[in-house]
Amino acid sequence: MKLEFDVKDKRQPDPFVFEDHGKFYMYVTAFEGVEAYSAEDLFGKWTFEGIVCSVEGWKNYWAPCIIRYKEQYYLYFSCEKKGCPEWLHVAVADTPLGPFTNATLLYDRFTIDAHVVETEAGLFLWYAEDNVDCERMGTRVFLDRLIDPFTPAGLRKEVVLPSMDEEIYRKNRLGDGRNWYTIEGPFWFKEGDWQYLMYSGGCYQNDTYHIGYAAAKSNEEDLTLVDFKKFTRGGEFAPVLCKNEQEEGTGHHSVIRYKGDYYAVYHGRDIENTAGKDYVERRTARICRLTVNDGEIIAERL
C-alpha cells in the first residue's frame, strides 16, 4: 500500500519513520540534503517539510535515521564529496524537524545505512560497509558501539553476511570474475524474547532485491554479544518482501509499532515497462503489516 503525500513530484527512497509525542516523521534520501515529511497519523497524508539537514560541500544524502536521546534529536546519514564516497555523519537538533547542526563525521570510509538504537547497555550503531577480503565480497551489515552520539568505539563487528546468489548485486563487478554481494539497510527491534535484525539484500534494480532478517532468542542488552542467525527456509531464499505483481524494488525500510501492530515502511516502484530507458528514480514509500512471532516475521500487504 502506498502512503499518501501532499506533493506529487517527490520520491521517498530509504524511508525512515519515527514517532515523537504522537506525531509521525519520515526522513528520506535526497541529493541536496536530508528531506523530511510529517503526518498526524501513520496512514494520513504526509506533508513535505523540506531539507532538514545539509553539510556545506557535500551531496547525495543517503538513508537517514533519527533517535531521540536525552531530550535532543540525532540524525544519522551518509553523504559524499570528491574523494569521500558516502561517509557516515551525525547532526543534532532540538526538534525532529531541525534544523540539524554540528554535523560530525563518524567514519572516514564508505559507510552507509545507519540505524542507532538505545538499550540498557548503551547506544549501538548498525550500519553497512564493504569487505573485499572474503569469499563473497561486497557490502554487509556491521555493528559498533557508540561512546556518545558523536563517537563510535570502532568495534566494526560483522553481523549479517551474504550467503546466497539472490544477494548478488552485480556479477563480475570488478572485472576479475568475482561477484559483488550486498546486504545493507539494517533495522533492529526487539519483541518478546526475540531480537530481530532486518535488512535489504541484492541489487535495487534486480528481481531478487528483497527484505530479509536475522533473529536471536536473547534478552542480552549488550548487542555486541548477541548471535544473530539469518532466517532461511532450509538454507533457501525466504524473503519477507520481494517483487510481486504490482511493485518491484521492494527494499530499504524501517519498522514502527502502531496501535498494537508492527508495520514496515519501505520503498518500491510500480511495475511498468522501462525497456530501453535509462533508470529514473521511482522509489516511493509504501507500507505493509508485519506479523512478528517466535523468531519469524511475515509481511502482509495492505
Protein backbone atom coordinates (compact mmCIF):
# COMPACT_ATOMS: atom_id res chain seq x y z
CA MET A 1 0.00 0.00 0.00
CA LYS A 2 1.35 3.42 -0.98
CA LEU A 3 1.41 6.19 1.57
CA GLU A 4 -0.19 9.50 0.60
CA PHE A 5 1.85 12.68 0.23
CA ASP A 6 0.94 16.31 -0.36
CA VAL A 7 3.46 16.60 -3.20
CA LYS A 8 3.32 14.56 -6.39
CA ASP A 9 6.80 15.16 -7.80
CA LYS A 10 8.80 13.85 -4.84
CA ARG A 11 10.17 10.39 -4.19
CA GLN A 12 10.92 8.71 -0.85
CA PRO A 13 13.89 6.33 -1.18
CA ASP A 14 15.10 4.70 2.06
CA PRO A 15 12.21 5.93 4.26
CA PHE A 16 12.83 6.08 8.00
CA VAL A 17 9.67 6.62 10.07
CA PHE A 18 9.80 8.00 13.60
CA GLU A 19 7.06 8.79 16.13
CA ASP A 20 7.53 11.57 18.66
CA HIS A 21 4.91 12.97 21.05
CA GLY A 22 2.10 11.46 18.97
CA LYS A 23 3.27 12.87 15.64
CA PHE A 24 4.96 10.97 12.82
CA TYR A 25 8.05 11.95 10.85
CA MET A 26 9.73 10.45 7.80
CA TYR A 27 13.30 11.07 6.62
CA VAL A 28 14.43 10.09 3.11
CA THR A 29 17.36 10.03 0.73
CA ALA A 30 17.82 13.16 -1.42
CA PHE A 31 20.53 14.99 -3.37
CA GLU A 32 20.84 18.40 -1.67
CA GLY A 33 20.19 17.31 1.93
CA VAL A 34 18.09 15.03 4.11
CA GLU A 35 14.44 15.61 3.27
CA ALA A 36 11.64 15.14 5.79
CA TYR A 37 7.86 14.71 5.95
CA SER A 38 5.40 14.84 8.83
CA ALA A 39 1.92 13.42 9.47
CA GLU A 40 -0.64 13.41 12.25
CA ASP A 41 -1.38 9.74 11.58
CA LEU A 42 0.72 6.96 10.11
CA PHE A 43 -1.94 6.34 7.44
CA GLY A 44 -2.80 10.02 6.96
CA LYS A 45 -1.47 12.50 4.41
CA TRP A 46 2.23 13.26 4.74
CA THR A 47 3.36 16.88 4.44
CA PHE A 48 6.69 17.70 2.82
CA GLU A 49 8.84 19.68 5.28
CA GLY A 50 11.82 20.30 3.02
CA ILE A 51 15.51 19.82 3.76
CA VAL A 52 16.21 19.49 7.48
CA CYS A 53 19.95 18.86 7.29
CA SER A 54 22.81 19.50 4.87
CA VAL A 55 26.58 19.89 5.12
CA GLU A 56 28.35 22.51 3.02
CA GLY A 57 30.28 20.96 0.16
CA TRP A 58 28.62 17.54 0.42
CA LYS A 59 25.87 15.97 -1.71
CA ASN A 60 23.85 12.75 -2.12
CA TYR A 61 22.40 12.30 1.35
CA TRP A 62 21.61 8.61 1.80
CA ALA A 63 19.45 6.60 4.15
CA PRO A 64 18.91 8.83 7.19
CA CYS A 65 17.80 7.64 10.60
CA ILE A 66 16.95 9.51 13.79
CA ILE A 67 16.98 8.83 17.51
CA ARG A 68 15.77 10.88 20.47
CA TYR A 69 18.40 10.78 23.20
CA LYS A 70 18.45 12.86 26.38
CA GLU A 71 15.86 15.32 25.02
CA GLN A 72 17.72 16.02 21.79
CA TYR A 73 17.38 14.54 18.32
CA TYR A 74 20.30 12.98 16.47
CA LEU A 75 20.10 12.49 12.71
CA TYR A 76 22.47 9.96 11.12
CA PHE A 77 23.08 9.97 7.37
CA SER A 78 25.71 9.34 4.72
CA CYS A 79 26.82 11.90 2.15
CA GLU A 80 29.64 12.29 -0.34
CA LYS A 81 32.03 14.74 -1.95
CA LYS A 82 35.06 14.35 -4.21
CA GLY A 83 37.36 11.77 -2.67
CA CYS A 84 34.87 10.86 0.06
CA PRO A 85 32.34 8.27 -1.18
CA GLU A 86 29.38 8.15 1.22
CA TRP A 87 30.75 8.66 4.71
CA LEU A 88 28.52 8.47 7.78
CA HIS A 89 27.75 11.70 9.66
CA VAL A 90 25.56 12.73 12.59
CA ALA A 91 23.92 16.09 13.34
CA VAL A 92 21.82 17.30 16.30
CA ALA A 93 18.69 19.40 16.80
CA ASP A 94 16.19 20.36 19.47
CA THR A 95 13.19 19.26 17.40
CA PRO A 96 12.53 16.40 14.95
CA LEU A 97 12.46 18.86 12.03
CA GLY A 98 15.67 20.61 12.98
CA PRO A 99 17.47 22.43 11.64
CA PHE A 100 20.12 19.82 12.39
CA THR A 101 23.54 21.34 13.02
CA ASN A 102 27.01 20.47 14.32
CA ALA A 103 27.39 17.79 11.64
CA THR A 104 30.15 15.41 12.71
CA LEU A 105 31.93 12.74 10.66
CA LEU A 106 31.71 9.25 12.16
CA TYR A 107 33.93 7.27 9.77
CA ASP A 108 36.35 8.31 7.02
CA ARG A 109 35.48 5.36 4.79
CA PHE A 110 32.46 4.13 2.83
CA THR A 111 29.76 3.62 5.47
CA ILE A 112 26.01 3.82 4.90
CA ASP A 113 22.54 2.94 6.22
CA ALA A 114 22.79 3.77 9.91
CA HIS A 115 20.30 2.61 12.49
CA VAL A 116 21.08 3.81 16.01
CA VAL A 117 19.32 2.17 18.97
CA GLU A 118 19.47 2.51 22.73
CA THR A 119 19.28 -0.39 25.19
CA GLU A 120 20.06 -0.56 28.90
CA ALA A 121 23.66 -1.30 27.85
CA GLY A 122 24.00 1.97 25.93
CA LEU A 123 23.91 3.21 22.34
CA PHE A 124 24.58 0.93 19.38
CA LEU A 125 25.09 1.73 15.72
CA TRP A 126 24.06 -0.68 12.97
CA TYR A 127 25.40 0.22 9.54
CA ALA A 128 26.68 -1.24 6.26
CA GLU A 129 30.11 -1.17 4.65
CA ASP A 130 32.23 -3.19 2.24
CA ASN A 131 34.52 -6.16 2.75
CA VAL A 132 36.56 -7.32 -0.26
CA ASP A 133 38.84 -9.71 1.62
CA CYS A 134 36.38 -12.62 1.76
CA GLU A 135 34.73 -15.28 -0.38
CA ARG A 136 31.54 -13.31 -1.07
CA MET A 137 32.93 -9.81 -1.29
CA GLY A 138 30.69 -6.81 -1.08
CA THR A 139 28.55 -4.90 1.38
CA ARG A 140 27.32 -6.39 4.63
CA VAL A 141 25.87 -5.33 8.00
CA PHE A 142 28.19 -4.25 10.81
CA LEU A 143 27.69 -3.24 14.43
CA ASP A 144 29.52 -0.65 16.51
CA ARG A 145 29.06 0.71 20.00
CA LEU A 146 28.64 4.46 20.45
CA ILE A 147 30.51 6.04 23.34
CA ASP A 148 28.21 9.03 22.88
CA PRO A 149 26.01 10.07 19.92
CA PHE A 150 29.03 11.57 18.11
CA THR A 151 31.71 8.98 18.94
CA PRO A 152 31.87 5.39 17.65
CA ALA A 153 34.04 2.95 19.58
CA GLY A 154 35.44 1.48 16.35
CA LEU A 155 34.33 -2.10 17.01
CA ARG A 156 33.42 -2.98 13.38
CA LYS A 157 31.74 -6.31 14.11
CA GLU A 158 30.33 -8.15 11.08
CA VAL A 159 26.85 -9.44 11.85
CA VAL A 160 24.96 -10.35 8.64
CA LEU A 161 26.95 -11.69 5.69
CA PRO A 162 25.92 -12.71 2.16
CA SER A 163 25.29 -16.42 1.71
CA MET A 164 23.23 -16.94 -1.48
CA ASP A 165 23.02 -15.92 -5.13
CA GLU A 166 19.88 -13.85 -4.59
CA GLU A 167 22.11 -11.39 -2.70
CA ILE A 168 24.36 -10.69 -5.71
CA TYR A 169 24.44 -7.00 -6.51
CA ARG A 170 26.40 -7.34 -9.74
CA LYS A 171 28.25 -10.21 -11.37
CA ASN A 172 31.94 -9.68 -12.15
CA ARG A 173 31.67 -6.15 -10.78
CA LEU A 174 35.44 -5.54 -10.56
CA GLY A 175 36.27 -7.37 -13.77
CA ASP A 176 38.14 -10.18 -12.04
CA GLY A 177 35.41 -12.83 -12.29
CA ARG A 178 34.15 -12.40 -8.73
CA ASN A 179 30.59 -11.38 -7.98
CA TRP A 180 29.68 -8.49 -5.70
CA TYR A 181 27.12 -9.21 -2.96
CA THR A 182 25.09 -6.71 -0.95
CA ILE A 183 23.45 -6.88 2.47
CA GLU A 184 22.54 -3.38 3.72
CA GLY A 185 19.79 -1.25 5.29
CA PRO A 186 19.81 -2.77 8.81
CA PHE A 187 16.92 -2.17 11.20
CA TRP A 188 16.91 -3.68 14.71
CA PHE A 189 14.00 -4.17 17.10
CA LYS A 190 13.02 -6.45 19.98
CA GLU A 191 9.74 -8.27 20.54
CA GLY A 192 9.26 -10.60 23.49
CA ASP A 193 12.26 -12.87 23.97
CA TRP A 194 13.48 -12.29 20.41
CA GLN A 195 15.68 -9.70 18.76
CA TYR A 196 15.29 -9.08 15.03
CA LEU A 197 17.72 -7.50 12.59
CA MET A 198 16.07 -6.79 9.26
CA TYR A 199 18.00 -5.80 6.14
CA SER A 200 17.86 -5.32 2.36
CA GLY A 201 19.68 -7.73 0.06
CA GLY A 202 20.70 -7.82 -3.60
CA CYS A 203 20.52 -5.01 -6.17
CA TYR A 204 17.66 -2.50 -6.17
CA GLN A 205 17.31 -2.93 -9.97
CA ASN A 206 17.07 -6.75 -9.87
CA ASP A 207 14.08 -9.04 -9.35
CA THR A 208 15.62 -10.58 -6.22
CA TYR A 209 16.08 -7.26 -4.39
CA HIS A 210 14.40 -8.03 -1.09
CA ILE A 211 13.95 -7.51 2.63
CA GLY A 212 15.14 -10.31 4.87
CA TYR A 213 16.09 -10.68 8.51
CA ALA A 214 18.24 -12.38 11.08
CA ALA A 215 16.97 -13.24 14.57
CA ALA A 216 18.22 -14.22 18.00
CA LYS A 217 16.33 -15.52 21.02
CA SER A 218 18.07 -13.36 23.59
CA ASN A 219 17.41 -10.76 26.26
CA GLU A 220 21.04 -9.61 26.18
CA GLU A 221 21.18 -5.80 26.33
CA ASP A 222 24.74 -5.60 25.01
CA LEU A 223 24.03 -6.11 21.32
CA THR A 224 27.67 -6.91 20.59
CA LEU A 225 27.14 -10.19 22.46
CA VAL A 226 24.02 -11.31 20.58
CA ASP A 227 24.41 -14.09 18.00
CA PHE A 228 22.01 -13.35 15.12
CA LYS A 229 21.10 -16.12 12.68
CA LYS A 230 19.90 -15.31 9.17
CA PHE A 231 16.40 -16.65 8.51
CA THR A 232 16.07 -19.05 5.55
CA ARG A 233 13.87 -21.99 4.62
CA GLY A 234 16.31 -24.85 4.98
CA GLY A 235 19.08 -22.67 3.60
CA GLU A 236 16.95 -21.43 0.71
CA PHE A 237 15.91 -17.87 -0.18
CA ALA A 238 12.96 -16.80 2.01
CA PRO A 239 12.46 -13.02 1.84
CA VAL A 240 9.96 -11.06 3.89
CA LEU A 241 9.32 -8.78 0.90
CA CYS A 242 10.29 -9.11 -2.75
CA LYS A 243 8.98 -8.22 -6.21
CA ASN A 244 5.30 -9.01 -6.77
CA GLU A 245 2.60 -8.38 -9.37
CA GLN A 246 2.26 -4.68 -8.53
CA GLU A 247 5.68 -3.49 -7.41
CA GLU A 248 9.41 -4.06 -7.70
CA GLY A 249 12.46 -2.72 -5.93
CA THR A 250 10.95 -3.51 -2.55
CA GLY A 251 13.75 -2.74 -0.14
CA HIS A 252 15.30 -0.41 2.42
CA HIS A 253 12.78 0.14 5.19
CA SER A 254 12.08 0.99 8.82
CA VAL A 255 9.72 -0.64 11.32
CA ILE A 256 7.22 1.07 13.58
CA ARG A 257 4.67 -0.21 16.08
CA TYR A 258 1.27 1.43 15.65
CA LYS A 259 -1.93 0.64 17.56
CA GLY A 260 -0.53 -2.71 18.69
CA ASP A 261 0.72 -3.91 15.29
CA TYR A 262 4.10 -3.78 13.59
CA TYR A 263 4.43 -2.12 10.19
CA ALA A 264 7.29 -1.87 7.74
CA VAL A 265 7.58 1.35 5.75
CA TYR A 266 9.68 0.55 2.69
CA HIS A 267 10.39 1.87 -0.77
CA GLY A 268 9.26 0.30 -4.00
CA ARG A 269 8.46 1.09 -7.63
CA ASP A 270 5.27 0.46 -9.57
CA ILE A 271 5.96 -2.14 -12.24
CA GLU A 272 5.98 -0.58 -15.67
CA ASN A 273 7.68 -1.12 -19.00
CA THR A 274 11.06 0.63 -18.83
CA ALA A 275 12.81 -1.31 -21.59
CA GLY A 276 15.34 0.80 -23.42
CA LYS A 277 15.13 3.66 -20.94
CA ASP A 278 17.73 4.98 -18.54
CA TYR A 279 16.91 4.44 -14.89
CA VAL A 280 14.76 7.20 -13.38
CA GLU A 281 14.16 7.40 -9.63
CA ARG A 282 10.69 5.98 -8.99
CA ARG A 283 11.02 4.64 -5.44
CA THR A 284 8.16 5.79 -3.24
CA ALA A 285 7.22 4.97 0.35
CA ARG A 286 4.85 2.06 0.91
CA ILE A 287 3.63 0.23 4.00
CA CYS A 288 2.77 -3.32 4.99
CA ARG A 289 1.79 -5.03 8.23
CA LEU A 290 4.23 -7.41 9.88
CA THR A 291 3.34 -10.46 11.95
CA VAL A 292 6.18 -10.95 14.41
CA ASN A 293 6.12 -14.14 16.45
CA ASP A 294 8.61 -16.60 17.95
CA GLY A 295 11.55 -15.66 15.73
CA GLU A 296 9.62 -15.32 12.49
CA ILE A 297 8.45 -12.26 10.52
CA ILE A 298 5.70 -12.46 7.90
CA ALA A 299 4.62 -9.48 5.76
CA GLU A 300 1.00 -8.78 4.84
CA ARG A 301 0.44 -6.32 2.02
CA LEU A 302 -2.39 -3.88 2.69
